[in-house]
Full PDB file with SEQRES, HELIX, SHEET, SSBOND, CRYST1, ORIGX, SCALE, CONECT and MASTER records, all heavy atoms in Angstrom:
SEQRES   1 A   33  ASP GLU SER ASP THR CYS VAL LEU GLY GLU VAL MET ASN          
SEQRES   2 A   33  SER SER PHE THR PHE THR ASP SER SER THR SER SER ALA          
SEQRES   3 A   33  ASP PHE TYR PHE ARG ALA VAL                                  
CRYST1    1.000    1.000    1.000  90.00  90.00  90.00 P 1           1          
ORIGX1      1.000000  0.000000  0.000000        0.00000                         
ORIGX2      0.000000  1.000000  0.000000        0.00000                         
ORIGX3      0.000000  0.000000  1.000000        0.00000                         
SCALE1      1.000000  0.000000  0.000000        0.00000                         
SCALE2      0.000000  1.000000  0.000000        0.00000                         
SCALE3      0.000000  0.000000  1.000000        0.00000                         
ATOM      1  N   ASP A   1      40.014 145.963  48.315  1.00  0.00           N  
ATOM      2  CA  ASP A   1      41.224 145.148  48.302  1.00  0.00           C  
ATOM      3  C   ASP A   1      40.946 143.696  48.699  1.00  0.00           C  
ATOM      4  O   ASP A   1      41.478 142.769  48.093  1.00  0.00           O  
ATOM      5  CB  ASP A   1      42.257 145.785  49.234  1.00  0.00           C  
ATOM      6  CG  ASP A   1      43.631 145.179  49.087  1.00  0.00           C  
ATOM      7  OD1 ASP A   1      43.967 144.777  47.959  1.00  0.00           O  
ATOM      8  OD2 ASP A   1      44.369 145.116  50.089  1.00  0.00           O  
ATOM      9  N   GLU A   2      40.119 143.494  49.722  1.00  0.00           N  
ATOM     10  CA  GLU A   2      39.868 142.141  50.237  1.00  0.00           C  
ATOM     11  C   GLU A   2      39.292 141.219  49.179  1.00  0.00           C  
ATOM     12  O   GLU A   2      39.630 140.037  49.126  1.00  0.00           O  
ATOM     13  CB  GLU A   2      38.922 142.194  51.440  1.00  0.00           C  
ATOM     14  CG  GLU A   2      39.527 142.849  52.655  1.00  0.00           C  
ATOM     15  CD  GLU A   2      38.526 142.957  53.795  1.00  0.00           C  
ATOM     16  OE1 GLU A   2      37.429 142.386  53.706  1.00  0.00           O  
ATOM     17  OE2 GLU A   2      38.868 143.608  54.786  1.00  0.00           O  
ATOM     18  N   SER A   3      38.406 141.741  48.348  1.00  0.00           N  
ATOM     19  CA  SER A   3      37.759 140.899  47.334  1.00  0.00           C  
ATOM     20  C   SER A   3      38.323 141.128  45.933  1.00  0.00           C  
ATOM     21  O   SER A   3      37.863 140.500  44.972  1.00  0.00           O  
ATOM     22  CB  SER A   3      36.257 141.163  47.322  1.00  0.00           C  
ATOM     23  OG  SER A   3      36.005 142.529  47.035  1.00  0.00           O  
ATOM     24  N   ASP A   4      39.311 142.032  45.810  1.00  0.00           N  
ATOM     25  CA  ASP A   4      39.898 142.389  44.514  1.00  0.00           C  
ATOM     26  C   ASP A   4      38.808 142.734  43.496  1.00  0.00           C  
ATOM     27  O   ASP A   4      38.765 142.203  42.391  1.00  0.00           O  
ATOM     28  CB  ASP A   4      40.790 141.258  43.983  1.00  0.00           C  
ATOM     29  CG  ASP A   4      41.567 141.686  42.739  1.00  0.00           C  
ATOM     30  OD1 ASP A   4      41.931 142.884  42.627  1.00  0.00           O  
ATOM     31  OD2 ASP A   4      41.787 140.820  41.852  1.00  0.00           O  
ATOM     32  N   THR A   5      37.918 143.628  43.916  1.00  0.00           N  
ATOM     33  CA  THR A   5      36.836 144.065  43.030  1.00  0.00           C  
ATOM     34  C   THR A   5      36.723 145.588  43.037  1.00  0.00           C  
ATOM     35  O   THR A   5      37.127 146.249  43.986  1.00  0.00           O  
ATOM     36  CB  THR A   5      35.465 143.484  43.457  1.00  0.00           C  
ATOM     37  OG1 THR A   5      35.203 143.856  44.806  1.00  0.00           O  
ATOM     38  CG2 THR A   5      35.437 141.972  43.323  1.00  0.00           C  
ATOM     39  N   CYS A   6      36.169 146.087  41.981  1.00  0.00           N  
ATOM     40  CA  CYS A   6      35.881 147.516  41.854  1.00  0.00           C  
ATOM     41  C   CYS A   6      34.362 147.693  41.903  1.00  0.00           C  
ATOM     42  O   CYS A   6      33.636 147.089  41.111  1.00  0.00           O  
ATOM     43  CB  CYS A   6      36.421 148.057  40.532  1.00  0.00           C  
ATOM     44  SG  CYS A   6      36.017 149.793  40.251  1.00  0.00           S  
ATOM     45  N   VAL A   7      33.913 148.494  42.846  1.00  0.00           N  
ATOM     46  CA  VAL A   7      32.488 148.821  42.940  1.00  0.00           C  
ATOM     47  C   VAL A   7      32.287 150.152  42.224  1.00  0.00           C  
ATOM     48  O   VAL A   7      32.867 151.169  42.613  1.00  0.00           O  
ATOM     49  CB  VAL A   7      32.025 148.925  44.412  1.00  0.00           C  
ATOM     50  CG1 VAL A   7      30.554 149.300  44.476  1.00  0.00           C  
ATOM     51  CG2 VAL A   7      32.295 147.619  45.145  1.00  0.00           C  
ATOM     52  N   LEU A   8      31.497 150.126  41.165  1.00  0.00           N  
ATOM     53  CA  LEU A   8      31.246 151.317  40.362  1.00  0.00           C  
ATOM     54  C   LEU A   8      29.869 151.889  40.677  1.00  0.00           C  
ATOM     55  O   LEU A   8      28.866 151.190  40.589  1.00  0.00           O  
ATOM     56  CB  LEU A   8      31.297 150.985  38.869  1.00  0.00           C  
ATOM     57  CG  LEU A   8      32.670 150.760  38.286  1.00  0.00           C  
ATOM     58  CD1 LEU A   8      32.550 150.227  36.877  1.00  0.00           C  
ATOM     59  CD2 LEU A   8      33.456 152.054  38.294  1.00  0.00           C  
ATOM     60  N   GLY A   9      29.858 153.137  41.057  1.00  0.00           N  
ATOM     61  CA  GLY A   9      28.596 153.822  41.337  1.00  0.00           C  
ATOM     62  C   GLY A   9      28.380 154.952  40.348  1.00  0.00           C  
ATOM     63  O   GLY A   9      29.321 155.631  39.937  1.00  0.00           O  
ATOM     64  N   GLU A  10      27.145 155.141  39.953  1.00  0.00           N  
ATOM     65  CA  GLU A  10      26.792 156.185  38.995  1.00  0.00           C  
ATOM     66  C   GLU A  10      25.558 156.913  39.515  1.00  0.00           C  
ATOM     67  O   GLU A  10      24.582 156.273  39.912  1.00  0.00           O  
ATOM     68  CB  GLU A  10      26.501 155.550  37.639  1.00  0.00           C  
ATOM     69  CG  GLU A  10      26.168 156.519  36.538  1.00  0.00           C  
ATOM     70  CD  GLU A  10      25.937 155.786  35.211  1.00  0.00           C  
ATOM     71  OE1 GLU A  10      25.679 154.576  35.204  1.00  0.00           O  
ATOM     72  OE2 GLU A  10      26.004 156.461  34.189  1.00  0.00           O  
ATOM     73  N   VAL A  11      25.604 158.247  39.524  1.00  0.00           N  
ATOM     74  CA  VAL A  11      24.500 159.045  40.054  1.00  0.00           C  
ATOM     75  C   VAL A  11      24.289 160.269  39.170  1.00  0.00           C  
ATOM     76  O   VAL A  11      25.255 160.919  38.756  1.00  0.00           O  
ATOM     77  CB  VAL A  11      24.783 159.522  41.506  1.00  0.00           C  
ATOM     78  CG1 VAL A  11      23.693 160.450  42.000  1.00  0.00           C  
ATOM     79  CG2 VAL A  11      24.947 158.347  42.432  1.00  0.00           C  
ATOM     80  N   MET A  12      23.018 160.576  38.927  1.00  0.00           N  
ATOM     81  CA  MET A  12      22.652 161.834  38.273  1.00  0.00           C  
ATOM     82  C   MET A  12      21.384 162.325  38.952  1.00  0.00           C  
ATOM     83  O   MET A  12      20.389 161.603  39.037  1.00  0.00           O  
ATOM     84  CB  MET A  12      22.427 161.647  36.770  1.00  0.00           C  
ATOM     85  CG  MET A  12      22.143 162.944  36.046  1.00  0.00           C  
ATOM     86  SD  MET A  12      22.301 162.830  34.235  1.00  0.00           S  
ATOM     87  CE  MET A  12      21.206 161.486  33.824  1.00  0.00           C  
ATOM     88  N   ASN A  13      21.453 163.539  39.483  1.00  0.00           N  
ATOM     89  CA  ASN A  13      20.358 164.097  40.263  1.00  0.00           C  
ATOM     90  C   ASN A  13      20.165 165.549  39.835  1.00  0.00           C  
ATOM     91  O   ASN A  13      21.125 166.324  39.830  1.00  0.00           O  
ATOM     92  CB  ASN A  13      20.708 164.008  41.751  1.00  0.00           C  
ATOM     93  CG  ASN A  13      19.566 164.365  42.643  1.00  0.00           C  
ATOM     94  OD1 ASN A  13      18.438 164.582  42.198  1.00  0.00           O  
ATOM     95  ND2 ASN A  13      19.835 164.445  43.928  1.00  0.00           N  
ATOM     96  N   SER A  14      18.960 165.926  39.476  1.00  0.00           N  
ATOM     97  CA  SER A  14      18.703 167.288  39.038  1.00  0.00           C  
ATOM     98  C   SER A  14      17.297 167.705  39.450  1.00  0.00           C  
ATOM     99  O   SER A  14      16.374 166.899  39.425  1.00  0.00           O  
ATOM    100  CB  SER A  14      18.838 167.379  37.515  1.00  0.00           C  
ATOM    101  OG  SER A  14      18.686 168.709  37.074  1.00  0.00           O  
ATOM    102  N   SER A  15      17.155 168.967  39.827  1.00  0.00           N  
ATOM    103  CA  SER A  15      15.824 169.490  40.137  1.00  0.00           C  
ATOM    104  C   SER A  15      15.797 170.984  39.855  1.00  0.00           C  
ATOM    105  O   SER A  15      16.823 171.659  39.896  1.00  0.00           O  
ATOM    106  CB  SER A  15      15.445 169.217  41.592  1.00  0.00           C  
ATOM    107  OG  SER A  15      16.332 169.862  42.465  1.00  0.00           O  
ATOM    108  N   PHE A  16      14.609 171.484  39.543  1.00  0.00           N  
ATOM    109  CA  PHE A  16      14.436 172.911  39.292  1.00  0.00           C  
ATOM    110  C   PHE A  16      12.968 173.272  39.476  1.00  0.00           C  
ATOM    111  O   PHE A  16      12.095 172.401  39.506  1.00  0.00           O  
ATOM    112  CB  PHE A  16      14.917 173.311  37.889  1.00  0.00           C  
ATOM    113  CG  PHE A  16      14.162 172.671  36.749  1.00  0.00           C  
ATOM    114  CD1 PHE A  16      13.057 173.302  36.184  1.00  0.00           C  
ATOM    115  CD2 PHE A  16      14.563 171.452  36.240  1.00  0.00           C  
ATOM    116  CE1 PHE A  16      12.365 172.719  35.130  1.00  0.00           C  
ATOM    117  CE2 PHE A  16      13.881 170.864  35.179  1.00  0.00           C  
ATOM    118  CZ  PHE A  16      12.783 171.507  34.628  1.00  0.00           C  
ATOM    119  N   THR A  17      12.717 174.569  39.629  1.00  0.00           N  
ATOM    120  CA  THR A  17      11.354 175.084  39.773  1.00  0.00           C  
ATOM    121  C   THR A  17      11.135 176.179  38.736  1.00  0.00           C  
ATOM    122  O   THR A  17      11.989 177.044  38.547  1.00  0.00           O  
ATOM    123  CB  THR A  17      11.123 175.641  41.189  1.00  0.00           C  
ATOM    124  OG1 THR A  17      11.324 174.579  42.123  1.00  0.00           O  
ATOM    125  CG2 THR A  17       9.710 176.176  41.344  1.00  0.00           C  
ATOM    126  N   PHE A  18      10.007 176.102  38.081  1.00  0.00           N  
ATOM    127  CA  PHE A  18       9.612 177.078  37.074  1.00  0.00           C  
ATOM    128  C   PHE A  18       8.386 177.828  37.591  1.00  0.00           C  
ATOM    129  O   PHE A  18       7.465 177.217  38.133  1.00  0.00           O  
ATOM    130  CB  PHE A  18       9.271 176.371  35.760  1.00  0.00           C  
ATOM    131  CG  PHE A  18       8.659 177.264  34.719  1.00  0.00           C  
ATOM    132  CD1 PHE A  18       9.436 178.131  33.986  1.00  0.00           C  
ATOM    133  CD2 PHE A  18       7.294 177.227  34.486  1.00  0.00           C  
ATOM    134  CE1 PHE A  18       8.867 178.958  33.026  1.00  0.00           C  
ATOM    135  CE2 PHE A  18       6.712 178.045  33.529  1.00  0.00           C  
ATOM    136  CZ  PHE A  18       7.508 178.914  32.789  1.00  0.00           C  
ATOM    137  N   THR A  19       8.375 179.155  37.439  1.00  0.00           N  
ATOM    138  CA  THR A  19       7.210 179.955  37.829  1.00  0.00           C  
ATOM    139  C   THR A  19       6.406 180.285  36.585  1.00  0.00           C  
ATOM    140  O   THR A  19       6.898 180.942  35.669  1.00  0.00           O  
ATOM    141  CB  THR A  19       7.635 181.261  38.526  1.00  0.00           C  
ATOM    142  OG1 THR A  19       8.400 180.933  39.682  1.00  0.00           O  
ATOM    143  CG2 THR A  19       6.424 182.071  38.940  1.00  0.00           C  
ATOM    144  N   ASP A  20       5.174 179.793  36.571  1.00  0.00           N  
ATOM    145  CA  ASP A  20       4.252 180.080  35.466  1.00  0.00           C  
ATOM    146  C   ASP A  20       3.367 181.240  35.910  1.00  0.00           C  
ATOM    147  O   ASP A  20       2.537 181.098  36.796  1.00  0.00           O  
ATOM    148  CB  ASP A  20       3.408 178.855  35.155  1.00  0.00           C  
ATOM    149  CG  ASP A  20       2.417 179.091  34.028  1.00  0.00           C  
ATOM    150  OD1 ASP A  20       2.509 180.140  33.353  1.00  0.00           O  
ATOM    151  OD2 ASP A  20       1.560 178.218  33.814  1.00  0.00           O  
ATOM    152  N   SER A  21       3.553 182.397  35.302  1.00  0.00           N  
ATOM    153  CA  SER A  21       2.813 183.592  35.718  1.00  0.00           C  
ATOM    154  C   SER A  21       1.570 183.854  34.878  1.00  0.00           C  
ATOM    155  O   SER A  21       0.982 184.929  34.949  1.00  0.00           O  
ATOM    156  CB  SER A  21       3.743 184.810  35.678  1.00  0.00           C  
ATOM    157  OG  SER A  21       4.305 184.945  34.391  1.00  0.00           O  
ATOM    158  N   SER A  22       1.146 182.855  34.108  1.00  0.00           N  
ATOM    159  CA  SER A  22      -0.060 183.004  33.298  1.00  0.00           C  
ATOM    160  C   SER A  22      -1.264 183.318  34.190  1.00  0.00           C  
ATOM    161  O   SER A  22      -1.452 182.708  35.246  1.00  0.00           O  
ATOM    162  CB  SER A  22      -0.333 181.717  32.522  1.00  0.00           C  
ATOM    163  OG  SER A  22      -1.607 181.778  31.908  1.00  0.00           O  
ATOM    164  N   THR A  23      -2.080 184.268  33.764  1.00  0.00           N  
ATOM    165  CA  THR A  23      -3.275 184.647  34.535  1.00  0.00           C  
ATOM    166  C   THR A  23      -4.535 183.972  34.005  1.00  0.00           C  
ATOM    167  O   THR A  23      -5.622 184.212  34.518  1.00  0.00           O  
ATOM    168  CB  THR A  23      -3.469 186.170  34.515  1.00  0.00           C  
ATOM    169  OG1 THR A  23      -3.584 186.596  33.150  1.00  0.00           O  
ATOM    170  CG2 THR A  23      -2.304 186.873  35.195  1.00  0.00           C  
ATOM    171  N   SER A  24      -4.381 183.119  33.018  1.00  0.00           N  
ATOM    172  CA  SER A  24      -5.531 182.405  32.473  1.00  0.00           C  
ATOM    173  C   SER A  24      -6.148 181.506  33.544  1.00  0.00           C  
ATOM    174  O   SER A  24      -5.436 180.920  34.359  1.00  0.00           O  
ATOM    175  CB  SER A  24      -5.087 181.541  31.285  1.00  0.00           C  
ATOM    176  OG  SER A  24      -6.150 180.690  30.886  1.00  0.00           O  
ATOM    177  N   SER A  25      -7.464 181.413  33.545  1.00  0.00           N  
ATOM    178  CA  SER A  25      -8.136 180.530  34.500  1.00  0.00           C  
ATOM    179  C   SER A  25      -8.540 179.205  33.851  1.00  0.00           C  
ATOM    180  O   SER A  25      -9.245 178.404  34.457  1.00  0.00           O  
ATOM    181  CB  SER A  25      -9.358 181.230  35.098  1.00  0.00           C  
ATOM    182  OG  SER A  25     -10.265 181.579  34.066  1.00  0.00           O  
ATOM    183  N   ALA A  26      -8.071 178.970  32.622  1.00  0.00           N  
ATOM    184  CA  ALA A  26      -8.359 177.702  31.939  1.00  0.00           C  
ATOM    185  C   ALA A  26      -7.495 176.580  32.517  1.00  0.00           C  
ATOM    186  O   ALA A  26      -6.409 176.827  33.045  1.00  0.00           O  
ATOM    187  CB  ALA A  26      -8.075 177.859  30.443  1.00  0.00           C  
ATOM    188  N   ASP A  27      -7.993 175.361  32.442  1.00  0.00           N  
ATOM    189  CA  ASP A  27      -7.202 174.204  32.873  1.00  0.00           C  
ATOM    190  C   ASP A  27      -5.897 174.157  32.085  1.00  0.00           C  
ATOM    191  O   ASP A  27      -5.820 174.609  30.943  1.00  0.00           O  
ATOM    192  CB  ASP A  27      -7.969 172.911  32.629  1.00  0.00           C  
ATOM    193  CG  ASP A  27      -9.155 172.748  33.575  1.00  0.00           C  
ATOM    194  OD1 ASP A  27      -9.283 173.561  34.512  1.00  0.00           O  
ATOM    195  OD2 ASP A  27      -9.932 171.807  33.372  1.00  0.00           O  
ATOM    196  N   PHE A  28      -4.858 173.596  32.695  1.00  0.00           N  
ATOM    197  CA  PHE A  28      -3.571 173.500  32.024  1.00  0.00           C  
ATOM    198  C   PHE A  28      -2.932 172.146  32.302  1.00  0.00           C  
ATOM    199  O   PHE A  28      -3.344 171.421  33.214  1.00  0.00           O  
ATOM    200  CB  PHE A  28      -2.637 174.641  32.437  1.00  0.00           C  
ATOM    201  CG  PHE A  28      -2.255 174.605  33.897  1.00  0.00           C  
ATOM    202  CD1 PHE A  28      -1.089 173.982  34.300  1.00  0.00           C  
ATOM    203  CD2 PHE A  28      -3.066 175.189  34.859  1.00  0.00           C  
ATOM    204  CE1 PHE A  28      -0.744 173.934  35.637  1.00  0.00           C  
ATOM    205  CE2 PHE A  28      -2.725 175.142  36.203  1.00  0.00           C  
ATOM    206  CZ  PHE A  28      -1.560 174.520  36.592  1.00  0.00           C  
ATOM    207  N   TYR A  29      -1.922 171.836  31.523  1.00  0.00           N  
ATOM    208  CA  TYR A  29      -1.146 170.610  31.646  1.00  0.00           C  
ATOM    209  C   TYR A  29       0.334 170.980  31.642  1.00  0.00           C  
ATOM    210  O   TYR A  29       0.739 171.935  30.986  1.00  0.00           O  
ATOM    211  CB  TYR A  29      -1.371 169.682  30.447  1.00  0.00           C  
ATOM    212  CG  TYR A  29      -2.775 169.179  30.250  1.00  0.00           C  
ATOM    213  CD1 TYR A  29      -3.772 170.018  29.764  1.00  0.00           C  
ATOM    214  CD2 TYR A  29      -3.091 167.854  30.505  1.00  0.00           C  
ATOM    215  CE1 TYR A  29      -5.055 169.546  29.550  1.00  0.00           C  
ATOM    216  CE2 TYR A  29      -4.376 167.370  30.288  1.00  0.00           C  
ATOM    217  CZ  TYR A  29      -5.350 168.226  29.811  1.00  0.00           C  
ATOM    218  OH  TYR A  29      -6.617 167.748  29.591  1.00  0.00           O  
ATOM    219  N   PHE A  30       1.128 170.191  32.341  1.00  0.00           N  
ATOM    220  CA  PHE A  30       2.581 170.288  32.258  1.00  0.00           C  
ATOM    221  C   PHE A  30       3.136 168.883  32.092  1.00  0.00           C  
ATOM    222  O   PHE A  30       2.549 167.910  32.583  1.00  0.00           O  
ATOM    223  CB  PHE A  30       3.190 170.911  33.522  1.00  0.00           C  
ATOM    224  CG  PHE A  30       3.211 172.405  33.508  1.00  0.00           C  
ATOM    225  CD1 PHE A  30       2.197 173.127  34.109  1.00  0.00           C  
ATOM    226  CD2 PHE A  30       4.248 173.098  32.902  1.00  0.00           C  
ATOM    227  CE1 PHE A  30       2.198 174.513  34.096  1.00  0.00           C  
ATOM    228  CE2 PHE A  30       4.267 174.475  32.880  1.00  0.00           C  
ATOM    229  CZ  PHE A  30       3.243 175.189  33.484  1.00  0.00           C  
ATOM    230  N   ARG A  31       4.257 168.807  31.416  1.00  0.00           N  
ATOM    231  CA  ARG A  31       4.965 167.528  31.349  1.00  0.00           C  
ATOM    232  C   ARG A  31       6.463 167.781  31.370  1.00  0.00           C  
ATOM    233  O   ARG A  31       6.946 168.827  30.910  1.00  0.00           O  
ATOM    234  CB  ARG A  31       4.559 166.710  30.131  1.00  0.00           C  
ATOM    235  CG  ARG A  31       5.057 167.194  28.811  1.00  0.00           C  
ATOM    236  CD  ARG A  31       4.592 166.282  27.673  1.00  0.00           C  
ATOM    237  NE  ARG A  31       5.054 166.760  26.379  1.00  0.00           N  
ATOM    238  CZ  ARG A  31       4.688 166.250  25.230  1.00  0.00           C  
ATOM    239  NH1 ARG A  31       3.844 165.236  25.210  1.00  0.00           N  
ATOM    240  NH2 ARG A  31       5.161 166.735  24.108  1.00  0.00           N  
ATOM    241  N   ALA A  32       7.180 166.822  31.929  1.00  0.00           N  
ATOM    242  CA  ALA A  32       8.641 166.835  31.955  1.00  0.00           C  
ATOM    243  C   ALA A  32       9.106 165.700  31.058  1.00  0.00           C  
ATOM    244  O   ALA A  32       8.621 164.572  31.170  1.00  0.00           O  
ATOM    245  CB  ALA A  32       9.162 166.651  33.370  1.00  0.00           C  
ATOM    246  N   VAL A  33      10.033 166.026  30.160  1.00  0.00           N  
ATOM    247  CA  VAL A  33      10.521 165.055  29.186  1.00  0.00           C  
ATOM    248  C   VAL A  33      12.041 164.928  29.344  1.00  0.00           C  
ATOM    249  O   VAL A  33      12.765 165.909  29.178  1.00  0.00           O  
ATOM    250  CB  VAL A  33      10.188 165.507  27.747  1.00  0.00           C  
ATOM    251  CG1 VAL A  33      10.719 164.501  26.734  1.00  0.00           C  
ATOM    252  CG2 VAL A  33       8.681 165.716  27.579  1.00  0.00           C  
TER     253      VAL A  33                                                      
MASTER        0    0    0    0    0    0    0    6  252    1    0    3          
END                                                                             
């Protein structure tokens, strides 16, 4: 009210865990897109 302005905030927050049960002993890669 004092400054006659609107302060707009925007937030998006997400997290998760995936269990990879592969028994391979070869090197692996993961990526998040």
